[in-house]
PDB file of all heavy atoms in Angstrom:
ATOM      1  N   PRO A   1       9.275  -7.122  19.182  1.00  0.00           N
ATOM      2  CA  PRO A   1       9.311  -5.660  19.512  1.00  0.00           C
ATOM      3  C   PRO A   1      10.354  -4.892  18.722  1.00  0.00           C
ATOM      4  O   PRO A   1      10.236  -3.729  18.448  1.00  0.00           O
ATOM      5  CB  PRO A   1       9.523  -5.635  21.031  1.00  0.00           C
ATOM      6  CG  PRO A   1       9.031  -6.994  21.492  1.00  0.00           C
ATOM      7  CD  PRO A   1       9.369  -7.938  20.374  1.00  0.00           C
ATOM      8  N   ILE A   2      11.517  -5.621  18.495  1.00  0.00           N
ATOM      9  CA  ILE A   2      12.675  -4.953  17.794  1.00  0.00           C
ATOM     10  C   ILE A   2      12.254  -4.512  16.369  1.00  0.00           C
ATOM     11  O   ILE A   2      12.612  -3.481  15.890  1.00  0.00           O
ATOM     12  CB  ILE A   2      13.908  -5.842  17.780  1.00  0.00           C
ATOM     13  CG1 ILE A   2      14.314  -6.152  19.269  1.00  0.00           C
ATOM     14  CG2 ILE A   2      15.079  -5.159  17.079  1.00  0.00           C
ATOM     15  CD1 ILE A   2      15.392  -7.236  19.358  1.00  0.00           C
ATOM     16  N   PHE A   3      11.552  -5.470  15.670  1.00  0.00           N
ATOM     17  CA  PHE A   3      11.343  -5.326  14.243  1.00  0.00           C
ATOM     18  C   PHE A   3       9.990  -4.661  13.912  1.00  0.00           C
ATOM     19  O   PHE A   3       9.794  -4.108  12.879  1.00  0.00           O
ATOM     20  CB  PHE A   3      11.439  -6.619  13.526  1.00  0.00           C
ATOM     21  CG  PHE A   3      12.834  -7.211  13.547  1.00  0.00           C
ATOM     22  CD1 PHE A   3      13.128  -8.348  14.329  1.00  0.00           C
ATOM     23  CD2 PHE A   3      13.849  -6.714  12.759  1.00  0.00           C
ATOM     24  CE1 PHE A   3      14.404  -8.884  14.379  1.00  0.00           C
ATOM     25  CE2 PHE A   3      15.150  -7.229  12.793  1.00  0.00           C
ATOM     26  CZ  PHE A   3      15.369  -8.300  13.591  1.00  0.00           C
ATOM     27  N   LYS A   4       9.001  -4.877  14.843  1.00  0.00           N
ATOM     28  CA  LYS A   4       7.603  -4.487  14.524  1.00  0.00           C
ATOM     29  C   LYS A   4       7.456  -3.063  14.033  1.00  0.00           C
ATOM     30  O   LYS A   4       6.813  -2.875  12.986  1.00  0.00           O
ATOM     31  CB  LYS A   4       6.721  -4.711  15.826  1.00  0.00           C
ATOM     32  CG  LYS A   4       5.311  -4.403  15.543  1.00  0.00           C
ATOM     33  CD  LYS A   4       4.454  -4.477  16.783  1.00  0.00           C
ATOM     34  CE  LYS A   4       3.019  -3.937  16.578  1.00  0.00           C
ATOM     35  NZ  LYS A   4       2.180  -3.936  17.773  1.00  0.00           N
ATOM     36  N   PRO A   5       7.956  -2.028  14.745  1.00  0.00           N
ATOM     37  CA  PRO A   5       7.703  -0.625  14.305  1.00  0.00           C
ATOM     38  C   PRO A   5       8.254  -0.393  12.822  1.00  0.00           C
ATOM     39  O   PRO A   5       7.560   0.248  12.036  1.00  0.00           O
ATOM     40  CB  PRO A   5       8.519   0.152  15.257  1.00  0.00           C
ATOM     41  CG  PRO A   5       8.697  -0.655  16.474  1.00  0.00           C
ATOM     42  CD  PRO A   5       8.761  -2.056  15.990  1.00  0.00           C
ATOM     43  N   LEU A   6       9.424  -0.969  12.540  1.00  0.00           N
ATOM     44  CA  LEU A   6       9.990  -0.803  11.204  1.00  0.00           C
ATOM     45  C   LEU A   6       9.234  -1.563  10.116  1.00  0.00           C
ATOM     46  O   LEU A   6       8.994  -0.972   9.057  1.00  0.00           O
ATOM     47  CB  LEU A   6      11.476  -1.182  11.176  1.00  0.00           C
ATOM     48  CG  LEU A   6      12.275  -0.896   9.908  1.00  0.00           C
ATOM     49  CD1 LEU A   6      12.269   0.571   9.635  1.00  0.00           C
ATOM     50  CD2 LEU A   6      13.689  -1.422   9.969  1.00  0.00           C
ATOM     51  N   VAL A   7       8.902  -2.741  10.406  1.00  0.00           N
ATOM     52  CA  VAL A   7       8.077  -3.622   9.517  1.00  0.00           C
ATOM     53  C   VAL A   7       6.738  -2.950   9.182  1.00  0.00           C
ATOM     54  O   VAL A   7       6.310  -2.885   8.029  1.00  0.00           O
ATOM     55  CB  VAL A   7       7.881  -5.018  10.024  1.00  0.00           C
ATOM     56  CG1 VAL A   7       6.876  -5.819   9.218  1.00  0.00           C
ATOM     57  CG2 VAL A   7       9.184  -5.779  10.107  1.00  0.00           C
ATOM     58  N   GLN A   8       6.137  -2.420  10.233  1.00  0.00           N
ATOM     59  CA  GLN A   8       4.864  -1.745  10.070  1.00  0.00           C
ATOM     60  C   GLN A   8       4.933  -0.512   9.170  1.00  0.00           C
ATOM     61  O   GLN A   8       4.171  -0.304   8.272  1.00  0.00           O
ATOM     62  CB  GLN A   8       4.328  -1.285  11.469  1.00  0.00           C
ATOM     63  CG  GLN A   8       2.873  -0.893  11.506  1.00  0.00           C
ATOM     64  CD  GLN A   8       2.455  -0.453  12.939  1.00  0.00           C
ATOM     65  OE1 GLN A   8       2.990   0.437  13.480  1.00  0.00           O
ATOM     66  NE2 GLN A   8       1.415  -1.150  13.472  1.00  0.00           N
ATOM     67  N   LYS A   9       5.977   0.293   9.387  1.00  0.00           N
ATOM     68  CA  LYS A   9       6.142   1.501   8.641  1.00  0.00           C
ATOM     69  C   LYS A   9       6.507   1.245   7.172  1.00  0.00           C
ATOM     70  O   LYS A   9       6.016   1.899   6.261  1.00  0.00           O
ATOM     71  CB  LYS A   9       7.220   2.388   9.260  1.00  0.00           C
ATOM     72  CG  LYS A   9       6.765   3.056  10.534  1.00  0.00           C
ATOM     73  CD  LYS A   9       7.936   3.667  11.342  1.00  0.00           C
ATOM     74  CE  LYS A   9       7.426   4.242  12.646  1.00  0.00           C
ATOM     75  NZ  LYS A   9       8.541   4.742  13.515  1.00  0.00           N
ATOM     76  N   ILE A  10       7.375   0.235   6.931  1.00  0.00           N
ATOM     77  CA  ILE A  10       7.791  -0.146   5.560  1.00  0.00           C
ATOM     78  C   ILE A  10       6.602  -0.634   4.807  1.00  0.00           C
ATOM     79  O   ILE A  10       6.363  -0.146   3.691  1.00  0.00           O
ATOM     80  CB  ILE A  10       8.887  -1.231   5.615  1.00  0.00           C
ATOM     81  CG1 ILE A  10      10.212  -0.634   6.147  1.00  0.00           C
ATOM     82  CG2 ILE A  10       9.097  -1.804   4.238  1.00  0.00           C
ATOM     83  CD1 ILE A  10      11.229  -1.699   6.518  1.00  0.00           C
ATOM     84  N   ASN A  11       5.867  -1.560   5.296  1.00  0.00           N
ATOM     85  CA  ASN A  11       4.728  -2.098   4.611  1.00  0.00           C
ATOM     86  C   ASN A  11       3.601  -1.133   4.423  1.00  0.00           C
ATOM     87  O   ASN A  11       2.935  -1.050   3.328  1.00  0.00           O
ATOM     88  CB  ASN A  11       4.160  -3.358   5.311  1.00  0.00           C
ATOM     89  CG  ASN A  11       5.074  -4.578   5.119  1.00  0.00           C
ATOM     90  OD1 ASN A  11       5.067  -5.191   3.999  1.00  0.00           O
ATOM     91  ND2 ASN A  11       5.866  -4.904   6.082  1.00  0.00           N
ATOM     92  N   THR A  12       3.391  -0.248   5.428  1.00  0.00           N
ATOM     93  CA  THR A  12       2.284   0.797   5.298  1.00  0.00           C
ATOM     94  C   THR A  12       2.721   1.781   4.192  1.00  0.00           C
ATOM     95  O   THR A  12       1.846   2.146   3.384  1.00  0.00           O
ATOM     96  CB  THR A  12       2.154   1.531   6.627  1.00  0.00           C
ATOM     97  OG1 THR A  12       1.763   0.658   7.631  1.00  0.00           O
ATOM     98  CG2 THR A  12       1.073   2.607   6.477  1.00  0.00           C
ATOM     99  N   ALA A  13       3.974   2.193   4.129  1.00  0.00           N
ATOM    100  CA  ALA A  13       4.467   3.124   3.102  1.00  0.00           C
ATOM    101  C   ALA A  13       4.303   2.496   1.669  1.00  0.00           C
ATOM    102  O   ALA A  13       3.776   3.176   0.804  1.00  0.00           O
ATOM    103  CB  ALA A  13       5.917   3.461   3.337  1.00  0.00           C
ATOM    104  N   ARG A  14       4.642   1.283   1.550  1.00  0.00           N
ATOM    105  CA  ARG A  14       4.567   0.602   0.245  1.00  0.00           C
ATOM    106  C   ARG A  14       3.085   0.434  -0.231  1.00  0.00           C
ATOM    107  O   ARG A  14       2.772   0.625  -1.386  1.00  0.00           O
ATOM    108  CB  ARG A  14       5.274  -0.765   0.297  1.00  0.00           C
ATOM    109  CG  ARG A  14       6.810  -0.674   0.386  1.00  0.00           C
ATOM    110  CD  ARG A  14       7.407  -2.003   0.219  1.00  0.00           C
ATOM    111  NE  ARG A  14       7.259  -2.498  -1.168  1.00  0.00           N
ATOM    112  CZ  ARG A  14       7.548  -3.729  -1.587  1.00  0.00           C
ATOM    113  NH1 ARG A  14       7.979  -4.593  -0.708  1.00  0.00           N
ATOM    114  NH2 ARG A  14       7.419  -4.026  -2.829  1.00  0.00           N
ATOM    115  N   ILE A  15       2.272   0.062   0.716  1.00  0.00           N
ATOM    116  CA  ILE A  15       0.840  -0.176   0.399  1.00  0.00           C
ATOM    117  C   ILE A  15       0.185   1.104   0.004  1.00  0.00           C
ATOM    118  O   ILE A  15      -0.567   1.203  -1.005  1.00  0.00           O
ATOM    119  CB  ILE A  15       0.085  -0.871   1.553  1.00  0.00           C
ATOM    120  CG1 ILE A  15       0.509  -2.341   1.674  1.00  0.00           C
ATOM    121  CG2 ILE A  15      -1.409  -0.798   1.353  1.00  0.00           C
ATOM    122  CD1 ILE A  15       0.090  -3.007   2.979  1.00  0.00           C
ATOM    123  N   MET A  16       0.416   2.158   0.829  1.00  0.00           N
ATOM    124  CA  MET A  16      -0.204   3.456   0.513  1.00  0.00           C
ATOM    125  C   MET A  16       0.301   4.007  -0.852  1.00  0.00           C
ATOM    126  O   MET A  16      -0.496   4.607  -1.633  1.00  0.00           O
ATOM    127  CB  MET A  16       0.171   4.521   1.634  1.00  0.00           C
ATOM    128  CG  MET A  16      -0.388   4.170   3.035  1.00  0.00           C
ATOM    129  SD  MET A  16      -2.164   3.964   3.088  1.00  0.00           S
ATOM    130  CE  MET A  16      -2.297   2.213   3.393  1.00  0.00           C
ATOM    131  N   ARG A  17       1.562   3.855  -1.130  1.00  0.00           N
ATOM    132  CA  ARG A  17       2.169   4.292  -2.414  1.00  0.00           C
ATOM    133  C   ARG A  17       1.499   3.519  -3.599  1.00  0.00           C
ATOM    134  O   ARG A  17       1.118   4.136  -4.605  1.00  0.00           O
ATOM    135  CB  ARG A  17       3.708   4.142  -2.371  1.00  0.00           C
ATOM    136  CG  ARG A  17       4.467   4.346  -3.689  1.00  0.00           C
ATOM    137  CD  ARG A  17       4.462   5.814  -4.063  1.00  0.00           C
ATOM    138  NE  ARG A  17       5.119   6.625  -2.975  1.00  0.00           N
ATOM    139  CZ  ARG A  17       5.150   7.948  -3.005  1.00  0.00           C
ATOM    140  NH1 ARG A  17       4.585   8.596  -4.035  1.00  0.00           N
ATOM    141  NH2 ARG A  17       5.763   8.666  -2.075  1.00  0.00           N
ATOM    142  N   THR A  18       1.419   2.199  -3.449  1.00  0.00           N
ATOM    143  CA  THR A  18       0.853   1.374  -4.521  1.00  0.00           C
ATOM    144  C   THR A  18      -0.663   1.677  -4.685  1.00  0.00           C
ATOM    145  O   THR A  18      -1.037   1.910  -5.875  1.00  0.00           O
ATOM    146  CB  THR A  18       1.031  -0.092  -4.151  1.00  0.00           C
ATOM    147  OG1 THR A  18       2.391  -0.416  -3.866  1.00  0.00           O
ATOM    148  CG2 THR A  18       0.572  -1.002  -5.327  1.00  0.00           C
ATOM    149  N   LEU A  19      -1.415   1.736  -3.617  1.00  0.00           N
ATOM    150  CA  LEU A  19      -2.783   2.077  -3.752  1.00  0.00           C
ATOM    151  C   LEU A  19      -3.035   3.413  -4.375  1.00  0.00           C
ATOM    152  O   LEU A  19      -3.888   3.616  -5.248  1.00  0.00           O
ATOM    153  CB  LEU A  19      -3.457   1.950  -2.402  1.00  0.00           C
ATOM    154  CG  LEU A  19      -3.899   0.653  -1.822  1.00  0.00           C
ATOM    155  CD1 LEU A  19      -4.423   0.771  -0.403  1.00  0.00           C
ATOM    156  CD2 LEU A  19      -5.001   0.013  -2.693  1.00  0.00           C
ATOM    157  N   GLY A  20      -2.297   4.401  -3.863  1.00  0.00           N
ATOM    158  CA  GLY A  20      -2.436   5.764  -4.353  1.00  0.00           C
ATOM    159  C   GLY A  20      -2.114   5.888  -5.802  1.00  0.00           C
ATOM    160  O   GLY A  20      -2.751   6.542  -6.559  1.00  0.00           O
ATOM    161  N   SER A  21      -1.038   5.211  -6.252  1.00  0.00           N
ATOM    162  CA  SER A  21      -0.589   5.208  -7.628  1.00  0.00           C
ATOM    163  C   SER A  21      -1.639   4.610  -8.575  1.00  0.00           C
ATOM    164  O   SER A  21      -1.997   5.105  -9.679  1.00  0.00           O
ATOM    165  CB  SER A  21       0.735   4.455  -7.836  1.00  0.00           C
ATOM    166  OG  SER A  21       1.728   5.119  -7.060  1.00  0.00           O
ATOM    167  N   LEU A  22      -2.202   3.497  -8.127  1.00  0.00           N
ATOM    168  CA  LEU A  22      -3.236   2.763  -8.901  1.00  0.00           C
ATOM    169  C   LEU A  22      -4.513   3.633  -9.041  1.00  0.00           C
ATOM    170  O   LEU A  22      -5.103   3.693 -10.115  1.00  0.00           O
ATOM    171  CB  LEU A  22      -3.505   1.437  -8.313  1.00  0.00           C
ATOM    172  CG  LEU A  22      -2.450   0.351  -8.468  1.00  0.00           C
ATOM    173  CD1 LEU A  22      -2.729  -0.822  -7.513  1.00  0.00           C
ATOM    174  CD2 LEU A  22      -2.407  -0.177  -9.907  1.00  0.00           C
ATOM    175  N   LEU A  23      -4.988   4.192  -7.926  1.00  0.00           N
ATOM    176  CA  LEU A  23      -6.171   5.011  -7.954  1.00  0.00           C
ATOM    177  C   LEU A  23      -5.951   6.265  -8.847  1.00  0.00           C
ATOM    178  O   LEU A  23      -6.857   6.656  -9.582  1.00  0.00           O
ATOM    179  CB  LEU A  23      -6.575   5.448  -6.503  1.00  0.00           C
ATOM    180  CG  LEU A  23      -7.047   4.400  -5.635  1.00  0.00           C
ATOM    181  CD1 LEU A  23      -7.338   4.892  -4.224  1.00  0.00           C
ATOM    182  CD2 LEU A  23      -8.306   3.681  -6.162  1.00  0.00           C
ATOM    183  N   LEU A  24      -4.701   6.815  -8.733  1.00  0.00           N
ATOM    184  CA  LEU A  24      -4.402   8.024  -9.607  1.00  0.00           C
ATOM    185  C   LEU A  24      -4.432   7.598 -11.058  1.00  0.00           C
ATOM    186  O   LEU A  24      -4.765   8.442 -11.917  1.00  0.00           O
ATOM    187  CB  LEU A  24      -3.032   8.547  -9.182  1.00  0.00           C
ATOM    188  CG  LEU A  24      -2.636   9.943  -9.515  1.00  0.00           C
ATOM    189  CD1 LEU A  24      -3.568  10.954  -8.842  1.00  0.00           C
ATOM    190  CD2 LEU A  24      -1.183  10.224  -9.220  1.00  0.00           C
ATOM    191  N   GLY A  25      -4.056   6.390 -11.339  1.00  0.00           N
ATOM    192  CA  GLY A  25      -4.009   5.880 -12.713  1.00  0.00           C
ATOM    193  C   GLY A  25      -5.358   5.521 -13.276  1.00  0.00           C
ATOM    194  O   GLY A  25      -5.484   5.169 -14.477  1.00  0.00           O
ATOM    195  N   GLY A  26      -6.348   5.441 -12.440  1.00  0.00           N
ATOM    196  CA  GLY A  26      -7.704   5.194 -12.863  1.00  0.00           C
ATOM    197  C   GLY A  26      -8.231   3.784 -12.561  1.00  0.00           C
ATOM    198  O   GLY A  26      -9.305   3.404 -13.064  1.00  0.00           O
ATOM    199  N   VAL A  27      -7.509   3.032 -11.742  1.00  0.00           N
ATOM    200  CA  VAL A  27      -7.922   1.659 -11.284  1.00  0.00           C
ATOM    201  C   VAL A  27      -8.971   1.825 -10.185  1.00  0.00           C
ATOM    202  O   VAL A  27      -8.857   2.685  -9.340  1.00  0.00           O
ATOM    203  CB  VAL A  27      -6.706   0.870 -10.855  1.00  0.00           C
ATOM    204  CG1 VAL A  27      -7.160  -0.556 -10.450  1.00  0.00           C
ATOM    205  CG2 VAL A  27      -5.637   0.740 -11.956  1.00  0.00           C
ATOM    206  N   SER A  28      -9.985   0.977 -10.221  1.00  0.00           N
ATOM    207  CA  SER A  28     -11.048   1.045  -9.162  1.00  0.00           C
ATOM    208  C   SER A  28     -10.425   0.605  -7.841  1.00  0.00           C
ATOM    209  O   SER A  28      -9.368  -0.053  -7.765  1.00  0.00           O
ATOM    210  CB  SER A  28     -12.184   0.044  -9.476  1.00  0.00           C
ATOM    211  OG  SER A  28     -11.708  -1.288  -9.435  1.00  0.00           O
ATOM    212  N   LEU A  29     -11.069   0.978  -6.740  1.00  0.00           N
ATOM    213  CA  LEU A  29     -10.512   0.694  -5.377  1.00  0.00           C
ATOM    214  C   LEU A  29     -10.371  -0.704  -5.062  1.00  0.00           C
ATOM    215  O   LEU A  29      -9.361  -1.215  -4.629  1.00  0.00           O
ATOM    216  CB  LEU A  29     -11.388   1.381  -4.343  1.00  0.00           C
ATOM    217  CG  LEU A  29     -10.987   1.219  -2.876  1.00  0.00           C
ATOM    218  CD1 LEU A  29      -9.549   1.736  -2.663  1.00  0.00           C
ATOM    219  CD2 LEU A  29     -11.930   1.979  -1.963  1.00  0.00           C
ATOM    220  N   THR A  30     -11.404  -1.536  -5.417  1.00  0.00           N
ATOM    221  CA  THR A  30     -11.365  -2.985  -5.099  1.00  0.00           C
ATOM    222  C   THR A  30     -10.268  -3.662  -5.948  1.00  0.00           C
ATOM    223  O   THR A  30      -9.528  -4.480  -5.417  1.00  0.00           O
ATOM    224  CB  THR A  30     -12.646  -3.683  -5.438  1.00  0.00           C
ATOM    225  OG1 THR A  30     -13.129  -3.306  -6.745  1.00  0.00           O
ATOM    226  CG2 THR A  30     -13.788  -3.299  -4.490  1.00  0.00           C
ATOM    227  N   GLU A  31     -10.154  -3.227  -7.205  1.00  0.00           N
ATOM    228  CA  GLU A  31      -9.060  -3.823  -8.044  1.00  0.00           C
ATOM    229  C   GLU A  31      -7.721  -3.425  -7.545  1.00  0.00           C
ATOM    230  O   GLU A  31      -6.750  -4.167  -7.537  1.00  0.00           O
ATOM    231  CB  GLU A  31      -9.323  -3.395  -9.539  1.00  0.00           C
ATOM    232  CG  GLU A  31      -8.385  -4.128 -10.520  1.00  0.00           C
ATOM    233  CD  GLU A  31      -8.725  -5.583 -10.590  1.00  0.00           C
ATOM    234  OE1 GLU A  31      -9.847  -6.019 -10.264  1.00  0.00           O
ATOM    235  OE2 GLU A  31      -7.773  -6.374 -10.963  1.00  0.00           O
ATOM    236  N   ALA A  32      -7.565  -2.120  -7.105  1.00  0.00           N
ATOM    237  CA  ALA A  32      -6.325  -1.613  -6.581  1.00  0.00           C
ATOM    238  C   ALA A  32      -5.887  -2.410  -5.322  1.00  0.00           C
ATOM    239  O   ALA A  32      -4.711  -2.707  -5.159  1.00  0.00           O
ATOM    240  CB  ALA A  32      -6.478  -0.151  -6.236  1.00  0.00           C
ATOM    241  N   LEU A  33      -6.868  -2.708  -4.477  1.00  0.00           N
ATOM    242  CA  LEU A  33      -6.541  -3.466  -3.229  1.00  0.00           C
ATOM    243  C   LEU A  33      -6.047  -4.899  -3.619  1.00  0.00           C
ATOM    244  O   LEU A  33      -5.147  -5.358  -3.005  1.00  0.00           O
ATOM    245  CB  LEU A  33      -7.793  -3.598  -2.370  1.00  0.00           C
ATOM    246  CG  LEU A  33      -8.196  -2.301  -1.597  1.00  0.00           C
ATOM    247  CD1 LEU A  33      -9.617  -2.402  -1.089  1.00  0.00           C
ATOM    248  CD2 LEU A  33      -7.194  -2.028  -0.454  1.00  0.00           C
ATOM    249  N   LYS A  34      -6.643  -5.513  -4.618  1.00  0.00           N
ATOM    250  CA  LYS A  34      -6.243  -6.917  -4.992  1.00  0.00           C
ATOM    251  C   LYS A  34      -4.840  -6.875  -5.626  1.00  0.00           C
ATOM    252  O   LYS A  34      -4.067  -7.752  -5.366  1.00  0.00           O
ATOM    253  CB  LYS A  34      -7.300  -7.535  -5.980  1.00  0.00           C
ATOM    254  CG  LYS A  34      -8.607  -7.779  -5.346  1.00  0.00           C
ATOM    255  CD  LYS A  34      -9.630  -8.223  -6.441  1.00  0.00           C
ATOM    256  CE  LYS A  34     -10.983  -8.390  -5.802  1.00  0.00           C
ATOM    257  NZ  LYS A  34     -12.012  -8.728  -6.888  1.00  0.00           N
ATOM    258  N   ILE A  35      -4.588  -5.874  -6.462  1.00  0.00           N
ATOM    259  CA  ILE A  35      -3.284  -5.745  -7.041  1.00  0.00           C
ATOM    260  C   ILE A  35      -2.212  -5.467  -6.051  1.00  0.00           C
ATOM    261  O   ILE A  35      -1.196  -6.144  -6.055  1.00  0.00           O
ATOM    262  CB  ILE A  35      -3.313  -4.573  -8.134  1.00  0.00           C
ATOM    263  CG1 ILE A  35      -4.238  -4.958  -9.350  1.00  0.00           C
ATOM    264  CG2 ILE A  35      -1.861  -4.338  -8.671  1.00  0.00           C
ATOM    265  CD1 ILE A  35      -4.566  -3.776 -10.186  1.00  0.00           C
ATOM    266  N   SER A  36      -2.518  -4.603  -5.133  1.00  0.00           N
ATOM    267  CA  SER A  36      -1.574  -4.276  -4.022  1.00  0.00           C
ATOM    268  C   SER A  36      -1.218  -5.462  -3.189  1.00  0.00           C
ATOM    269  O   SER A  36      -0.083  -5.692  -2.807  1.00  0.00           O
ATOM    270  CB  SER A  36      -2.135  -3.171  -3.151  1.00  0.00           C
ATOM    271  OG  SER A  36      -2.360  -2.002  -3.863  1.00  0.00           O
TER     272      SER A  36
END
């Protein structure tokens, strides 16, 4: 319980940033998910 909220927010932020950057760069969604 102490770490869960922070771990959830950190990983969600990083995944959304990586996925968004890859899609913006022209990578397909499935490939972006695998790279992330």
